[in-house]
């Protein structure tokens, strides 16, 4: 993968997990920094804006209820799973089909977060 950035390599490694459809890094300002998709088309601008707003709401809930800072947000839709993790001023989003193994997704995302952080 000559010429491929370290960030793109980390996202590619995550995208190779069975049933993963996309991995996105977005800024907390709501812009896509980088992404890789394996199937389907995603409106990255809409995704970035909605994820940023959702993370803001979760942060507010954690502060208001004195729960601490969120580490990973898991959202299960009827056909998909979204994992959302914060990295300082950025957010990593992993989207997978509903049949994906949630434990593996969480494990692999946690394992790649330091690589993604270092690449940003």
Protein backbone atom coordinates (compact mmCIF):
# COMPACT_ATOMS: atom_id res chain seq x y z
CA UNK A 1 0.00 0.00 0.00
CA UNK A 2 2.71 2.41 -1.01
CA UNK A 3 1.66 6.04 -0.83
CA UNK A 4 -1.29 5.26 1.42
CA UNK A 5 -1.46 7.32 4.59
CA UNK A 6 -1.33 5.70 8.04
CA UNK A 7 -4.90 6.90 8.63
CA UNK A 8 -6.15 5.24 5.45
CA UNK A 9 -4.33 2.00 6.43
CA UNK A 10 -6.06 1.95 9.85
CA UNK A 11 -9.47 2.58 8.27
CA UNK A 12 -8.81 -0.10 5.66
CA UNK A 13 -7.94 -2.63 8.38
CA UNK A 14 -11.26 -1.90 10.09
CA UNK A 15 -13.15 -2.11 6.81
CA UNK A 16 -11.92 -5.69 6.31
CA UNK A 17 -13.94 -6.96 9.29
CA UNK A 18 -16.85 -9.04 7.98
CA UNK A 19 -20.06 -7.02 7.46
CA UNK A 20 -18.41 -3.62 7.96
CA UNK A 21 -19.85 -1.18 5.44
CA UNK A 22 -17.92 1.95 6.26
CA UNK A 23 -15.50 3.65 8.60
CA UNK A 24 -15.43 7.43 8.91
CA UNK A 25 -13.36 9.98 10.78
CA UNK A 26 -15.20 13.25 11.28
CA UNK A 27 -14.29 16.45 13.07
CA UNK A 28 -16.39 17.71 15.95
CA UNK A 29 -17.19 20.65 13.68
CA UNK A 30 -19.11 18.22 11.46
CA UNK A 31 -16.74 17.64 8.52
CA UNK A 32 -15.48 14.34 7.13
CA UNK A 33 -11.70 14.01 7.51
CA UNK A 34 -11.34 10.59 5.86
CA UNK A 35 -13.44 7.53 5.15
CA UNK A 36 -13.58 4.17 3.49
CA UNK A 37 -16.71 2.33 2.44
CA UNK A 38 -17.07 -1.27 1.37
CA UNK A 39 -20.66 -1.32 0.18
CA UNK A 40 -23.39 1.17 -0.42
CA UNK A 41 -23.22 4.91 -0.67
CA UNK A 42 -23.40 7.09 2.39
CA UNK A 43 -24.11 10.80 2.52
CA UNK A 44 -20.91 11.65 4.38
CA UNK A 45 -21.87 15.27 4.99
CA UNK A 46 -25.16 14.25 6.61
CA UNK A 47 -23.45 11.48 8.58
CA UNK A 48 -20.79 13.87 9.91
CA UNK A 49 -23.34 16.49 10.92
CA UNK A 50 -25.67 14.02 12.64
CA UNK A 51 -22.89 12.16 14.44
CA UNK A 52 -21.46 15.43 15.72
CA UNK A 53 -24.87 16.49 17.05
CA UNK A 54 -25.48 13.06 18.62
CA UNK A 55 -22.10 12.99 20.35
CA UNK A 56 -22.78 16.48 21.69
CA UNK A 57 -26.06 15.28 23.19
CA UNK A 58 -24.40 12.23 24.75
CA UNK A 59 -21.65 14.45 26.22
CA UNK A 60 -24.31 16.73 27.73
CA UNK A 61 -26.12 13.74 29.23
CA UNK A 62 -22.89 12.44 30.76
CA UNK A 63 -22.12 15.82 32.33
CA UNK A 64 -25.65 16.49 33.54
CA UNK A 65 -26.00 13.07 35.16
CA UNK A 66 -22.39 13.00 36.39
CA UNK A 67 -21.68 9.80 34.45
CA UNK A 68 -18.27 10.79 33.14
CA UNK A 69 -17.08 10.93 29.56
CA UNK A 70 -18.42 8.51 26.96
CA UNK A 71 -15.90 6.01 25.66
CA UNK A 72 -17.86 4.31 22.91
CA UNK A 73 -21.42 4.80 21.76
CA UNK A 74 -23.27 1.84 20.28
CA UNK A 75 -26.44 2.37 18.27
CA UNK A 76 -28.39 -0.59 16.94
CA UNK A 77 -30.73 0.09 14.05
CA UNK A 78 -33.09 -2.45 12.48
CA UNK A 79 -30.51 -3.39 9.84
CA UNK A 80 -27.25 -1.84 11.00
CA UNK A 81 -24.94 -1.17 13.92
CA UNK A 82 -23.06 2.08 14.45
CA UNK A 83 -20.10 2.35 16.81
CA UNK A 84 -18.95 5.86 17.64
CA UNK A 85 -15.74 6.70 19.50
CA UNK A 86 -14.29 10.10 20.34
CA UNK A 87 -10.65 11.01 19.78
CA UNK A 88 -10.05 14.47 21.24
CA UNK A 89 -11.45 16.80 18.55
CA UNK A 90 -12.45 14.01 16.16
CA UNK A 91 -14.94 11.16 16.06
CA UNK A 92 -14.57 7.69 14.54
CA UNK A 93 -17.71 6.01 13.20
CA UNK A 94 -17.88 2.36 12.18
CA UNK A 95 -21.02 1.20 10.35
CA UNK A 96 -21.79 -2.49 9.94
CA UNK A 97 -24.64 -4.74 8.93
CA UNK A 98 -26.82 -5.94 11.79
CA UNK A 99 -25.44 -9.52 11.63
CA UNK A 100 -21.89 -8.40 12.46
CA UNK A 101 -20.35 -9.70 15.69
CA UNK A 102 -20.66 -6.73 18.03
CA UNK A 103 -17.90 -7.89 20.37
CA UNK A 104 -15.43 -8.16 17.51
CA UNK A 105 -16.40 -4.74 16.16
CA UNK A 106 -15.84 -3.15 19.57
CA UNK A 107 -12.54 -5.00 20.09
CA UNK A 108 -11.15 -4.12 16.67
CA UNK A 109 -12.23 -0.48 16.91
CA UNK A 110 -10.60 -0.09 20.34
CA UNK A 111 -7.45 -1.74 18.97
CA UNK A 112 -7.25 0.68 16.02
CA UNK A 113 -8.03 3.88 17.94
CA UNK A 114 -4.39 4.51 18.95
CA UNK A 115 -3.30 4.12 15.30
CA UNK A 116 -6.01 6.51 14.16
CA UNK A 117 -5.14 9.01 16.91
CA UNK A 118 -1.44 8.90 15.93
CA UNK A 119 -2.31 9.38 12.25
CA UNK A 120 -4.42 12.47 12.88
